[in-house]
């Protein structure tokens, strides 16, 4: 997936997020979600204290949406394991 990262709007964390979204193997899903969360956390640390601008605001909104998606994936993973 790294070869497509130049096409992503937020390449610091979107590759890991997309990998979590498309992971079909339930045994690897939690690992992918954790990797995505870590990449997002690192990005948030790196942009902390940068001047507010439209691009930063846009990325923060995208991060908020991505974190919501990751929470949903984790919830589905727990439900899957409970019913497996």
PDB file of N, CA and C in Angstrom:
ATOM      1  N   UNK A   1       0.816  -1.195   0.000  1.00  0.00           N
ATOM      2  CA  UNK A   1       0.000   0.000   0.000  1.00  0.00           C
ATOM      3  C   UNK A   1       0.859   1.258   0.000  1.00  0.00           C
ATOM      4  N   UNK A   2       2.096   1.151   0.405  1.00  0.00           N
ATOM      5  CA  UNK A   2       2.962   2.319   0.472  1.00  0.00           C
ATOM      6  C   UNK A   2       3.161   2.971  -0.890  1.00  0.00           C
ATOM      7  N   UNK A   3       3.105   2.181  -1.942  1.00  0.00           N
ATOM      8  CA  UNK A   3       3.322   2.744  -3.261  1.00  0.00           C
ATOM      9  C   UNK A   3       2.222   3.714  -3.670  1.00  0.00           C
ATOM     10  N   UNK A   4       1.071   3.675  -3.015  1.00  0.00           N
ATOM     11  CA  UNK A   4      -0.027   4.570  -3.332  1.00  0.00           C
ATOM     12  C   UNK A   4      -0.108   5.751  -2.375  1.00  0.00           C
ATOM     13  N   UNK A   5       0.788   5.827  -1.399  1.00  0.00           N
ATOM     14  CA  UNK A   5       0.694   6.861  -0.376  1.00  0.00           C
ATOM     15  C   UNK A   5       0.845   8.271  -0.946  1.00  0.00           C
ATOM     16  N   UNK A   6       1.501   8.416  -2.099  1.00  0.00           N
ATOM     17  CA  UNK A   6       1.649   9.744  -2.687  1.00  0.00           C
ATOM     18  C   UNK A   6       0.317  10.273  -3.207  1.00  0.00           C
ATOM     19  N   UNK A   7      -0.640   9.396  -3.432  1.00  0.00           N
ATOM     20  CA  UNK A   7      -1.955   9.799  -3.899  1.00  0.00           C
ATOM     21  C   UNK A   7      -2.899  10.154  -2.754  1.00  0.00           C
ATOM     22  N   UNK A   8      -2.477   9.924  -1.536  1.00  0.00           N
ATOM     23  CA  UNK A   8      -3.322  10.171  -0.379  1.00  0.00           C
ATOM     24  C   UNK A   8      -3.211  11.615   0.073  1.00  0.00           C
ATOM     25  N   UNK A   9      -4.289  12.120   0.567  1.00  0.00           N
ATOM     26  CA  UNK A   9      -4.277  13.503   1.042  1.00  0.00           C
ATOM     27  C   UNK A   9      -3.473  13.649   2.340  1.00  0.00           C
ATOM     28  N   UNK A  10      -3.516  12.614   3.185  1.00  0.00           N
ATOM     29  CA  UNK A  10      -2.803  12.644   4.466  1.00  0.00           C
ATOM     30  C   UNK A  10      -1.926  11.392   4.592  1.00  0.00           C
ATOM     31  N   UNK A  11      -0.798  11.384   3.897  1.00  0.00           N
ATOM     32  CA  UNK A  11       0.020  10.169   3.814  1.00  0.00           C
ATOM     33  C   UNK A  11       0.720   9.773   5.114  1.00  0.00           C
ATOM     34  N   UNK A  12       0.683  10.627   6.130  1.00  0.00           N
ATOM     35  CA  UNK A  12       1.335  10.281   7.397  1.00  0.00           C
ATOM     36  C   UNK A  12       0.576   9.189   8.147  1.00  0.00           C
ATOM     37  N   UNK A  13      -0.724   9.071   7.913  1.00  0.00           N
ATOM     38  CA  UNK A  13      -1.508   8.088   8.653  1.00  0.00           C
ATOM     39  C   UNK A  13      -2.548   7.337   7.809  1.00  0.00           C
ATOM     40  N   UNK A  14      -2.890   7.832   6.652  1.00  0.00           N
ATOM     41  CA  UNK A  14      -3.922   7.174   5.852  1.00  0.00           C
ATOM     42  C   UNK A  14      -3.554   5.766   5.367  1.00  0.00           C
ATOM     43  N   UNK A  15      -2.300   5.466   5.025  1.00  0.00           N
ATOM     44  CA  UNK A  15      -2.004   4.093   4.602  1.00  0.00           C
ATOM     45  C   UNK A  15      -2.339   3.065   5.688  1.00  0.00           C
ATOM     46  N   UNK A  16      -1.998   3.385   6.930  1.00  0.00           N
ATOM     47  CA  UNK A  16      -2.288   2.467   8.033  1.00  0.00           C
ATOM     48  C   UNK A  16      -3.798   2.371   8.272  1.00  0.00           C
ATOM     49  N   UNK A  17      -4.479   3.491   8.155  1.00  0.00           N
ATOM     50  CA  UNK A  17      -5.928   3.504   8.327  1.00  0.00           C
ATOM     51  C   UNK A  17      -6.599   2.661   7.242  1.00  0.00           C
ATOM     52  N   UNK A  18      -6.184   2.847   5.995  1.00  0.00           N
ATOM     53  CA  UNK A  18      -6.770   2.070   4.910  1.00  0.00           C
ATOM     54  C   UNK A  18      -6.467   0.586   5.051  1.00  0.00           C
ATOM     55  N   UNK A  19      -5.282   0.261   5.538  1.00  0.00           N
ATOM     56  CA  UNK A  19      -4.935  -1.151   5.754  1.00  0.00           C
ATOM     57  C   UNK A  19      -5.879  -1.776   6.782  1.00  0.00           C
ATOM     58  N   UNK A  20      -6.226  -1.025   7.806  1.00  0.00           N
ATOM     59  CA  UNK A  20      -7.176  -1.529   8.812  1.00  0.00           C
ATOM     60  C   UNK A  20      -8.558  -1.713   8.199  1.00  0.00           C
ATOM     61  N   UNK A  21      -8.960  -0.763   7.372  1.00  0.00           N
ATOM     62  CA  UNK A  21     -10.296  -0.841   6.771  1.00  0.00           C
ATOM     63  C   UNK A  21     -10.467  -2.055   5.860  1.00  0.00           C
ATOM     64  N   UNK A  22      -9.411  -2.442   5.165  1.00  0.00           N
ATOM     65  CA  UNK A  22      -9.542  -3.537   4.198  1.00  0.00           C
ATOM     66  C   UNK A  22      -9.078  -4.882   4.740  1.00  0.00           C
ATOM     67  N   UNK A  23      -8.626  -4.917   5.999  1.00  0.00           N
ATOM     68  CA  UNK A  23      -8.162  -6.176   6.581  1.00  0.00           C
ATOM     69  C   UNK A  23      -9.340  -7.138   6.762  1.00  0.00           C
ATOM     70  N   UNK A  24      -9.260  -8.287   6.146  1.00  0.00           N
ATOM     71  CA  UNK A  24     -10.323  -9.278   6.234  1.00  0.00           C
ATOM     72  C   UNK A  24     -10.033 -10.368   7.256  1.00  0.00           C
ATOM     73  N   UNK A  25      -8.791 -10.504   7.618  1.00  0.00           N
ATOM     74  CA  UNK A  25      -8.389 -11.529   8.576  1.00  0.00           C
ATOM     75  C   UNK A  25      -8.634 -10.999   9.995  1.00  0.00           C
ATOM     76  N   UNK A  26      -9.604 -11.580  10.675  1.00  0.00           N
ATOM     77  CA  UNK A  26      -9.960 -11.089  12.008  1.00  0.00           C
ATOM     78  C   UNK A  26      -8.805 -11.206  13.001  1.00  0.00           C
ATOM     79  N   UNK A  27      -7.911 -12.154  12.796  1.00  0.00           N
ATOM     80  CA  UNK A  27      -6.787 -12.292  13.721  1.00  0.00           C
ATOM     81  C   UNK A  27      -5.757 -11.178  13.548  1.00  0.00           C
ATOM     82  N   UNK A  28      -5.780 -10.497  12.401  1.00  0.00           N
ATOM     83  CA  UNK A  28      -4.842  -9.399  12.150  1.00  0.00           C
ATOM     84  C   UNK A  28      -5.494  -8.020  12.298  1.00  0.00           C
ATOM     85  N   UNK A  29      -6.804  -7.987  12.394  1.00  0.00           N
ATOM     86  CA  UNK A  29      -7.511  -6.713  12.392  1.00  0.00           C
ATOM     87  C   UNK A  29      -7.108  -5.811  13.552  1.00  0.00           C
ATOM     88  N   UNK A  30      -7.052  -6.356  14.743  1.00  0.00           N
ATOM     89  CA  UNK A  30      -6.702  -5.526  15.897  1.00  0.00           C
ATOM     90  C   UNK A  30      -5.301  -4.940  15.755  1.00  0.00           C
ATOM     91  N   UNK A  31      -4.383  -5.706  15.183  1.00  0.00           N
ATOM     92  CA  UNK A  31      -3.026  -5.206  14.933  1.00  0.00           C
ATOM     93  C   UNK A  31      -3.052  -4.039  13.951  1.00  0.00           C
ATOM     94  N   UNK A  32      -3.831  -4.166  12.901  1.00  0.00           N
ATOM     95  CA  UNK A  32      -3.944  -3.087  11.904  1.00  0.00           C
ATOM     96  C   UNK A  32      -4.579  -1.838  12.517  1.00  0.00           C
ATOM     97  N   UNK A  33      -5.606  -2.031  13.338  1.00  0.00           N
ATOM     98  CA  UNK A  33      -6.253  -0.894  13.994  1.00  0.00           C
ATOM     99  C   UNK A  33      -5.261  -0.198  14.918  1.00  0.00           C
ATOM    100  N   UNK A  34      -4.499  -0.967  15.667  1.00  0.00           N
ATOM    101  CA  UNK A  34      -3.504  -0.392  16.573  1.00  0.00           C
ATOM    102  C   UNK A  34      -2.447   0.384  15.802  1.00  0.00           C
ATOM    103  N   UNK A  35      -1.994  -0.147  14.671  1.00  0.00           N
ATOM    104  CA  UNK A  35      -1.012   0.551  13.839  1.00  0.00           C
ATOM    105  C   UNK A  35      -1.576   1.876  13.327  1.00  0.00           C
ATOM    106  N   UNK A  36      -2.838   1.861  12.934  1.00  0.00           N
ATOM    107  CA  UNK A  36      -3.477   3.084  12.441  1.00  0.00           C
ATOM    108  C   UNK A  36      -3.624   4.106  13.570  1.00  0.00           C
ATOM    109  N   UNK A  37      -4.042   3.646  14.734  1.00  0.00           N
ATOM    110  CA  UNK A  37      -4.178   4.555  15.876  1.00  0.00           C
ATOM    111  C   UNK A  37      -2.828   5.178  16.243  1.00  0.00           C
ATOM    112  N   UNK A  38      -1.792   4.377  16.193  1.00  0.00           N
ATOM    113  CA  UNK A  38      -0.459   4.887  16.525  1.00  0.00           C
ATOM    114  C   UNK A  38       0.006   5.926  15.498  1.00  0.00           C
ATOM    115  N   UNK A  39      -0.233   5.651  14.217  1.00  0.00           N
ATOM    116  CA  UNK A  39       0.150   6.607  13.174  1.00  0.00           C
ATOM    117  C   UNK A  39      -0.607   7.921  13.345  1.00  0.00           C
ATOM    118  N   UNK A  40      -1.879   7.831  13.693  1.00  0.00           N
ATOM    119  CA  UNK A  40      -2.675   9.042  13.928  1.00  0.00           C
ATOM    120  C   UNK A  40      -2.152   9.790  15.142  1.00  0.00           C
ATOM    121  N   UNK A  41      -1.849   9.062  16.208  1.00  0.00           N
ATOM    122  CA  UNK A  41      -1.306   9.688  17.419  1.00  0.00           C
ATOM    123  C   UNK A  41       0.004  10.414  17.107  1.00  0.00           C
ATOM    124  N   UNK A  42       0.885   9.770  16.349  1.00  0.00           N
ATOM    125  CA  UNK A  42       2.152  10.410  15.972  1.00  0.00           C
ATOM    126  C   UNK A  42       1.906  11.677  15.158  1.00  0.00           C
ATOM    127  N   UNK A  43       0.952  11.616  14.249  1.00  0.00           N
ATOM    128  CA  UNK A  43       0.646  12.789  13.423  1.00  0.00           C
ATOM    129  C   UNK A  43       0.082  13.918  14.277  1.00  0.00           C
ATOM    130  N   UNK A  44      -0.804  13.587  15.197  1.00  0.00           N
ATOM    131  CA  UNK A  44      -1.351  14.621  16.082  1.00  0.00           C
ATOM    132  C   UNK A  44      -0.242  15.291  16.896  1.00  0.00           C
ATOM    133  N   UNK A  45       0.711  14.515  17.350  1.00  0.00           N
ATOM    134  CA  UNK A  45       1.841  15.090  18.083  1.00  0.00           C
ATOM    135  C   UNK A  45       2.666  16.003  17.183  1.00  0.00           C
ATOM    136  N   UNK A  46       2.852  15.601  15.937  1.00  0.00           N
ATOM    137  CA  UNK A  46       3.706  16.390  15.044  1.00  0.00           C
ATOM    138  C   UNK A  46       3.050  17.702  14.621  1.00  0.00           C
ATOM    139  N   UNK A  47       1.719  17.755  14.571  1.00  0.00           N
ATOM    140  CA  UNK A  47       1.065  19.003  14.160  1.00  0.00           C
ATOM    141  C   UNK A  47       0.627  19.850  15.349  1.00  0.00           C
ATOM    142  N   UNK A  48       0.823  19.335  16.558  1.00  0.00           N
ATOM    143  CA  UNK A  48       0.478  20.115  17.741  1.00  0.00           C
ATOM    144  C   UNK A  48       1.325  21.383  17.776  1.00  0.00           C
ATOM    145  N   UNK A  49       0.684  22.484  17.986  1.00  0.00           N
ATOM    146  CA  UNK A  49       1.391  23.750  18.061  1.00  0.00           C
ATOM    147  C   UNK A  49       1.618  24.423  16.727  1.00  0.00           C
ATOM    148  N   UNK A  50       1.235  23.771  15.631  1.00  0.00           N
ATOM    149  CA  UNK A  50       1.362  24.428  14.334  1.00  0.00           C
ATOM    150  C   UNK A  50       0.229  25.441  14.183  1.00  0.00           C
ATOM    151  N   UNK A  51       0.445  26.461  13.387  1.00  0.00           N
ATOM    152  CA  UNK A  51      -0.587  27.486  13.232  1.00  0.00           C
ATOM    153  C   UNK A  51      -1.891  26.909  12.672  1.00  0.00           C
ATOM    154  N   UNK A  52      -2.990  27.436  13.152  1.00  0.00           N
ATOM    155  CA  UNK A  52      -4.285  27.018  12.626  1.00  0.00           C
ATOM    156  C   UNK A  52      -4.430  27.509  11.196  1.00  0.00           C
ATOM    157  N   UNK A  53      -4.849  26.618  10.338  1.00  0.00           N
ATOM    158  CA  UNK A  53      -5.113  26.967   8.945  1.00  0.00           C
ATOM    159  C   UNK A  53      -6.136  25.973   8.419  1.00  0.00           C
ATOM    160  N   UNK A  54      -6.639  26.238   7.239  1.00  0.00           N
ATOM    161  CA  UNK A  54      -7.670  25.365   6.674  1.00  0.00           C
ATOM    162  C   UNK A  54      -7.184  23.930   6.495  1.00  0.00           C
ATOM    163  N   UNK A  55      -5.939  23.771   6.057  1.00  0.00           N
ATOM    164  CA  UNK A  55      -5.446  22.413   5.815  1.00  0.00           C
ATOM    165  C   UNK A  55      -5.310  21.634   7.125  1.00  0.00           C
ATOM    166  N   UNK A  56      -4.889  22.302   8.198  1.00  0.00           N
ATOM    167  CA  UNK A  56      -4.782  21.630   9.499  1.00  0.00           C
ATOM    168  C   UNK A  56      -6.174  21.253   9.999  1.00  0.00           C
ATOM    169  N   UNK A  57      -7.119  22.172   9.869  1.00  0.00           N
ATOM    170  CA  UNK A  57      -8.480  21.909  10.295  1.00  0.00           C
ATOM    171  C   UNK A  57      -9.071  20.739   9.511  1.00  0.00           C
ATOM    172  N   UNK A  58      -8.827  20.713   8.211  1.00  0.00           N
ATOM    173  CA  UNK A  58      -9.325  19.628   7.361  1.00  0.00           C
ATOM    174  C   UNK A  58      -8.739  18.292   7.794  1.00  0.00           C
ATOM    175  N   UNK A  59      -7.446  18.280   8.098  1.00  0.00           N
ATOM    176  CA  UNK A  59      -6.821  17.035   8.534  1.00  0.00           C
ATOM    177  C   UNK A  59      -7.366  16.599   9.886  1.00  0.00           C
ATOM    178  N   UNK A  60      -7.580  17.524  10.788  1.00  0.00           N
ATOM    179  CA  UNK A  60      -8.127  17.169  12.097  1.00  0.00           C
ATOM    180  C   UNK A  60      -9.526  16.576  11.964  1.00  0.00           C
ATOM    181  N   UNK A  61     -10.325  17.098  11.056  1.00  0.00           N
ATOM    182  CA  UNK A  61     -11.651  16.521  10.816  1.00  0.00           C
ATOM    183  C   UNK A  61     -11.530  15.105  10.230  1.00  0.00           C
ATOM    184  N   UNK A  62     -10.586  14.920   9.320  1.00  0.00           N
ATOM    185  CA  UNK A  62     -10.365  13.600   8.735  1.00  0.00           C
ATOM    186  C   UNK A  62      -9.888  12.614   9.807  1.00  0.00           C
ATOM    187  N   UNK A  63      -9.047  13.082  10.716  1.00  0.00           N
ATOM    188  CA  UNK A  63      -8.572  12.236  11.805  1.00  0.00           C
ATOM    189  C   UNK A  63      -9.730  11.853  12.717  1.00  0.00           C
ATOM    190  N   UNK A  64     -10.587  12.810  13.011  1.00  0.00           N
ATOM    191  CA  UNK A  64     -11.758  12.521  13.851  1.00  0.00           C
ATOM    192  C   UNK A  64     -12.623  11.435  13.210  1.00  0.00           C
ATOM    193  N   UNK A  65     -12.852  11.550  11.906  1.00  0.00           N
ATOM    194  CA  UNK A  65     -13.635  10.543  11.191  1.00  0.00           C
ATOM    195  C   UNK A  65     -12.925   9.185  11.193  1.00  0.00           C
ATOM    196  N   UNK A  66     -11.620   9.200  10.989  1.00  0.00           N
ATOM    197  CA  UNK A  66     -10.854   7.952  10.966  1.00  0.00           C
ATOM    198  C   UNK A  66     -10.899   7.260  12.326  1.00  0.00           C
ATOM    199  N   UNK A  67     -10.762   8.024  13.392  1.00  0.00           N
ATOM    200  CA  UNK A  67     -10.812   7.431  14.729  1.00  0.00           C
ATOM    201  C   UNK A  67     -12.190   6.830  15.008  1.00  0.00           C
ATOM    202  N   UNK A  68     -13.235   7.476  14.528  1.00  0.00           N
ATOM    203  CA  UNK A  68     -14.584   6.917  14.681  1.00  0.00           C
ATOM    204  C   UNK A  68     -14.691   5.592  13.925  1.00  0.00           C
ATOM    205  N   UNK A  69     -14.124   5.542  12.732  1.00  0.00           N
ATOM    206  CA  UNK A  69     -14.124   4.306  11.957  1.00  0.00           C
ATOM    207  C   UNK A  69     -13.347   3.200  12.639  1.00  0.00           C
ATOM    208  N   UNK A  70     -12.225   3.546  13.237  1.00  0.00           N
ATOM    209  CA  UNK A  70     -11.419   2.547  13.951  1.00  0.00           C
ATOM    210  C   UNK A  70     -12.151   2.028  15.186  1.00  0.00           C
ATOM    211  N   UNK A  71     -12.853   2.912  15.879  1.00  0.00           N
ATOM    212  CA  UNK A  71     -13.655   2.468  17.031  1.00  0.00           C
ATOM    213  C   UNK A  71     -14.707   1.457  16.579  1.00  0.00           C
ATOM    214  N   UNK A  72     -15.334   1.726  15.457  1.00  0.00           N
ATOM    215  CA  UNK A  72     -16.334   0.811  14.919  1.00  0.00           C
ATOM    216  C   UNK A  72     -15.708  -0.538  14.564  1.00  0.00           C
ATOM    217  N   UNK A  73     -14.555  -0.514  13.933  1.00  0.00           N
ATOM    218  CA  UNK A  73     -13.867  -1.766  13.605  1.00  0.00           C
ATOM    219  C   UNK A  73     -13.552  -2.565  14.861  1.00  0.00           C
ATOM    220  N   UNK A  74     -13.086  -1.892  15.905  1.00  0.00           N
ATOM    221  CA  UNK A  74     -12.779  -2.596  17.153  1.00  0.00           C
ATOM    222  C   UNK A  74     -14.038  -3.189  17.764  1.00  0.00           C
ATOM    223  N   UNK A  75     -15.129  -2.447  17.736  1.00  0.00           N
ATOM    224  CA  UNK A  75     -16.387  -2.939  18.288  1.00  0.00           C
ATOM    225  C   UNK A  75     -16.852  -4.166  17.508  1.00  0.00           C
ATOM    226  N   UNK A  76     -16.752  -4.118  16.185  1.00  0.00           N
ATOM    227  CA  UNK A  76     -17.129  -5.267  15.363  1.00  0.00           C
ATOM    228  C   UNK A  76     -16.235  -6.463  15.640  1.00  0.00           C
ATOM    229  N   UNK A  77     -14.962  -6.216  15.883  1.00  0.00           N
ATOM    230  CA  UNK A  77     -14.016  -7.296  16.181  1.00  0.00           C
ATOM    231  C   UNK A  77     -14.406  -7.976  17.478  1.00  0.00           C
ATOM    232  N   UNK A  78     -14.749  -7.210  18.491  1.00  0.00           N
ATOM    233  CA  UNK A  78     -15.159  -7.769  19.776  1.00  0.00           C
ATOM    234  C   UNK A  78     -16.430  -8.590  19.594  1.00  0.00           C
ATOM    235  N   UNK A  79     -17.398  -8.054  18.859  1.00  0.00           N
ATOM    236  CA  UNK A  79     -18.642  -8.792  18.603  1.00  0.00           C
ATOM    237  C   UNK A  79     -18.360 -10.092  17.864  1.00  0.00           C
ATOM    238  N   UNK A  80     -17.461 -10.054  16.883  1.00  0.00           N
ATOM    239  CA  UNK A  80     -17.118 -11.250  16.121  1.00  0.00           C
ATOM    240  C   UNK A  80     -16.513 -12.308  17.034  1.00  0.00           C
ATOM    241  N   UNK A  81     -15.592 -11.896  17.894  1.00  0.00           N
ATOM    242  CA  UNK A  81     -14.928 -12.852  18.785  1.00  0.00           C
ATOM    243  C   UNK A  81     -15.900 -13.426  19.804  1.00  0.00           C
ATOM    244  N   UNK A  82     -16.860 -12.631  20.255  1.00  0.00           N
ATOM    245  CA  UNK A  82     -17.836 -13.127  21.231  1.00  0.00           C
ATOM    246  C   UNK A  82     -18.781 -14.139  20.602  1.00  0.00           C
ATOM    247  N   UNK A  83     -19.032 -14.013  19.298  1.00  0.00           N
ATOM    248  CA  UNK A  83     -19.977 -14.907  18.635  1.00  0.00           C
ATOM    249  C   UNK A  83     -19.294 -16.009  17.834  1.00  0.00           C
ATOM    250  N   UNK A  84     -17.989 -16.045  17.890  1.00  0.00           N
ATOM    251  CA  UNK A  84     -17.252 -17.061  17.115  1.00  0.00           C
ATOM    252  C   UNK A  84     -17.247 -18.397  17.829  1.00  0.00           C
TER     253      UNK A  84
END
